[in-house]
C-alpha cells in the first residue's frame, strides 16, 4: 500500500471546503519529518515553513515537504477505546521501523474530559519529545497543531484536521503563486 503524501492532501484541500475536508480527514495526522540523523542534508526546495511554538520570540522554523508521508490517526475517531499505540513491534497500531523506537513506545488517546488529543510515553528507551521537551514516562501531554514529535530519532509534525487544512491551504497558495 502506498502512503499518502502531503502533496495528495494539498490537491484534496484545493477542491474541498473545510467541512468536506473534515469528512474525508476526520482524525488528526502526523506528517513525517526527516530523521534527526538525516537533518544534515539539504531539504527539497518544495516546502512550507511554520513556527514550532506559537507566540514565542525567536521562533525556530521547521519545514514540511510536499513529498513527506502522512499518517492518519484514524483509530482515534473510529475505535471504541479511542486510543492507539505506536512503536517498533508489529502489534502496534502504528509501526515505526527504526531501531531508536521502542517496541511499545507511546500512546495517543482522546482525553475523556474533552476532545483533546493526548500523547503519553510508555517508558521508551530513547524517549519521546514534543518541541524538544522530553516527556516524563507515564505522564500525558496535550497535543497542539504544529507540535514537533520525536519517537527516538523519528520525527513527525502533529495536526488536527482543521489545522492540517489551514496549513495545506497556505501551502497550496505558495504553489500557485
Protein backbone atom coordinates (compact mmCIF):
# COMPACT_ATOMS: atom_id res chain seq x y z
CA UNK A 1 0.00 0.00 0.00
CA UNK A 2 1.28 3.46 -0.92
CA UNK A 3 1.24 6.01 1.90
CA UNK A 4 -0.39 9.32 1.07
CA UNK A 5 1.91 12.33 0.96
CA UNK A 6 1.37 15.98 1.81
CA UNK A 7 1.01 16.68 -1.93
CA UNK A 8 -2.00 14.31 -2.11
CA UNK A 9 -3.73 16.27 0.64
CA UNK A 10 -2.90 19.64 -0.96
CA UNK A 11 -4.79 18.53 -4.06
CA UNK A 12 -7.77 17.50 -1.92
CA UNK A 13 -7.87 20.73 0.07
CA UNK A 14 -7.86 22.90 -3.07
CA UNK A 15 -11.04 21.14 -4.21
CA UNK A 16 -12.85 20.87 -0.86
CA UNK A 17 -14.37 23.18 1.71
CA UNK A 18 -13.28 22.76 5.33
CA UNK A 19 -16.46 20.80 6.14
CA UNK A 20 -15.95 18.44 3.20
CA UNK A 21 -12.27 18.03 4.12
CA UNK A 22 -13.23 17.16 7.74
CA UNK A 23 -15.47 14.37 6.38
CA UNK A 24 -12.59 12.91 4.40
CA UNK A 25 -9.96 13.52 7.11
CA UNK A 26 -11.84 13.29 10.43
CA UNK A 27 -8.81 12.37 12.55
CA UNK A 28 -5.55 14.11 13.43
CA UNK A 29 -2.50 13.43 11.26
CA UNK A 30 1.24 13.07 11.68
CA UNK A 31 3.38 14.43 8.85
CA UNK A 32 6.73 12.66 8.67
CA UNK A 33 9.94 14.64 9.07
CA UNK A 34 13.49 13.66 8.30
CA UNK A 35 15.22 11.58 10.95
CA UNK A 36 17.44 13.55 13.33
CA UNK A 37 20.46 11.81 11.86
CA UNK A 38 19.36 12.83 8.32
CA UNK A 39 18.88 16.53 9.07
CA UNK A 40 22.35 17.48 7.88
CA UNK A 41 21.20 17.02 4.28
CA UNK A 42 19.64 19.91 2.41
CA UNK A 43 15.85 19.81 2.30
CA UNK A 44 13.97 19.75 -1.01
CA UNK A 45 13.02 23.15 -2.43
CA UNK A 46 9.27 22.49 -2.15
CA UNK A 47 8.42 23.08 1.49
CA UNK A 48 6.35 25.18 3.86
CA UNK A 49 7.83 26.95 6.87
CA UNK A 50 5.81 27.15 10.06
CA UNK A 51 6.60 28.11 13.62
CA UNK A 52 7.33 25.32 16.08
CA UNK A 53 5.95 27.20 19.09
CA UNK A 54 3.28 29.80 18.67
CA UNK A 55 3.89 33.17 20.25
CA UNK A 56 7.49 32.63 21.29
CA UNK A 57 10.17 35.17 20.45
CA UNK A 58 12.91 33.96 18.12
CA UNK A 59 10.78 31.10 16.85
CA UNK A 60 12.65 28.28 15.18
CA UNK A 61 11.26 27.33 11.79
CA UNK A 62 10.61 23.79 10.67
CA UNK A 63 9.77 22.54 7.20
CA UNK A 64 7.03 20.39 5.79
CA UNK A 65 8.00 18.92 2.47
CA UNK A 66 5.40 18.07 -0.19
CA UNK A 67 6.70 14.52 -0.64
CA UNK A 68 6.64 13.55 3.07
CA UNK A 69 4.28 10.74 4.13
CA UNK A 70 1.16 11.49 6.15
CA UNK A 71 -0.12 9.11 8.84
CA UNK A 72 -3.79 9.48 9.68
CA UNK A 73 -4.59 8.69 13.32
CA UNK A 74 -7.98 7.33 12.27
CA UNK A 75 -8.19 4.81 15.14
CA UNK A 76 -8.71 7.77 17.47
CA UNK A 77 -12.10 8.54 15.92
CA UNK A 78 -13.21 5.06 14.82
CA UNK A 79 -12.11 2.70 17.60
CA UNK A 80 -14.21 2.01 20.68
CA UNK A 81 -11.35 2.81 23.04
CA UNK A 82 -10.19 5.89 21.09
CA UNK A 83 -6.50 5.21 21.57
CA UNK A 84 -3.63 3.92 19.50
CA UNK A 85 -0.19 2.64 20.30
CA UNK A 86 2.94 3.49 18.35
CA UNK A 87 6.21 1.58 18.37
CA UNK A 88 8.55 -0.83 16.58
CA UNK A 89 6.57 -4.01 17.29
CA UNK A 90 4.14 -5.25 14.63
CA UNK A 91 1.47 -5.43 17.39
CA UNK A 92 1.18 -1.63 17.46
CA UNK A 93 -1.47 0.39 15.65
CA UNK A 94 1.32 2.42 14.01
CA UNK A 95 4.62 0.65 13.38
CA UNK A 96 7.84 2.65 13.01
CA UNK A 97 10.73 0.65 11.59
CA UNK A 98 13.55 2.41 13.43
CA UNK A 99 15.95 0.87 15.95
CA UNK A 100 15.73 4.00 18.16
CA UNK A 101 11.98 3.41 18.65
CA UNK A 102 10.97 1.04 21.45
CA UNK A 103 8.77 -2.00 20.87
CA UNK A 104 5.88 -0.15 22.57
CA UNK A 105 6.97 3.48 22.51
CA UNK A 106 4.00 5.79 23.09
CA UNK A 107 0.23 6.02 23.28
CA UNK A 108 -2.17 8.51 21.67
CA UNK A 109 -5.63 8.86 23.16
CA UNK A 110 -8.56 11.24 23.46
CA UNK A 111 -8.89 12.84 26.88
CA UNK A 112 -12.24 11.68 28.31
CA UNK A 113 -12.93 15.21 29.62
CA UNK A 114 -12.95 16.71 26.14
CA UNK A 115 -11.78 16.37 22.57
CA UNK A 116 -8.12 16.88 23.41
CA UNK A 117 -5.61 14.52 21.83
CA UNK A 118 -3.06 13.36 24.38
CA UNK A 119 0.33 11.66 23.98
CA UNK A 120 1.98 9.54 26.64
CA UNK A 121 5.44 7.98 26.57
CA UNK A 122 5.36 4.30 27.57
CA UNK A 123 8.77 4.25 29.28
CA UNK A 124 10.56 4.08 25.95
CA UNK A 125 14.32 3.60 25.90
CA UNK A 126 15.16 6.65 23.77
CA UNK A 127 12.28 8.85 24.86
CA UNK A 128 9.55 10.89 23.23
CA UNK A 129 9.96 14.64 22.78
CA UNK A 130 7.48 17.36 21.89
CA UNK A 131 9.03 20.58 20.59
CA UNK A 132 12.37 19.48 22.05
CA UNK A 133 10.97 18.74 25.54
CA UNK A 134 11.40 15.18 26.78
CA UNK A 135 8.14 13.66 28.03
CA UNK A 136 8.03 12.18 31.51
CA UNK A 137 7.13 8.50 31.03
CA UNK A 138 3.55 7.79 32.03
CA UNK A 139 2.52 11.48 32.05
CA UNK A 140 0.26 12.53 29.17
CA UNK A 141 0.66 15.82 27.32
CA UNK A 142 -1.95 17.61 25.19
CA UNK A 143 -1.02 17.92 21.52
CA UNK A 144 -1.45 21.13 19.53
CA UNK A 145 -1.18 21.92 15.84
CA UNK A 146 2.43 22.07 14.58
CA UNK A 147 3.84 20.23 17.61
CA UNK A 148 7.06 18.50 16.51
CA UNK A 149 7.14 15.00 18.00
CA UNK A 150 10.11 12.65 18.02
CA UNK A 151 9.87 8.97 18.87
CA UNK A 152 13.56 8.18 19.29
CA UNK A 153 15.12 9.67 16.14
CA UNK A 154 11.95 9.55 14.01
CA UNK A 155 10.05 12.82 13.81
CA UNK A 156 6.55 13.95 12.90
CA UNK A 157 4.55 17.15 12.91
CA UNK A 158 1.12 16.86 14.52
CA UNK A 159 -2.02 18.48 13.06
CA UNK A 160 -5.71 18.39 13.95
CA UNK A 161 -7.93 18.09 10.84
CA UNK A 162 -8.69 21.84 10.92
CA UNK A 163 -5.04 22.78 11.49
CA UNK A 164 -3.92 20.48 8.68
CA UNK A 165 -6.47 22.01 6.29
CA UNK A 166 -5.28 25.53 7.12
CA UNK A 167 -1.63 24.53 6.64
CA UNK A 168 -2.45 22.86 3.31
CA UNK A 169 -4.28 25.98 2.14
CA UNK A 170 -1.16 28.04 2.87
CA UNK A 171 0.99 25.55 1.00
CA UNK A 172 -1.35 25.48 -1.99
CA UNK A 173 -1.27 29.29 -2.16
CA UNK A 174 2.55 29.18 -2.30
CA UNK A 175 2.49 26.58 -5.06
CA UNK A 176 0.01 28.56 -7.17
CA UNK A 177 1.97 31.85 -6.82
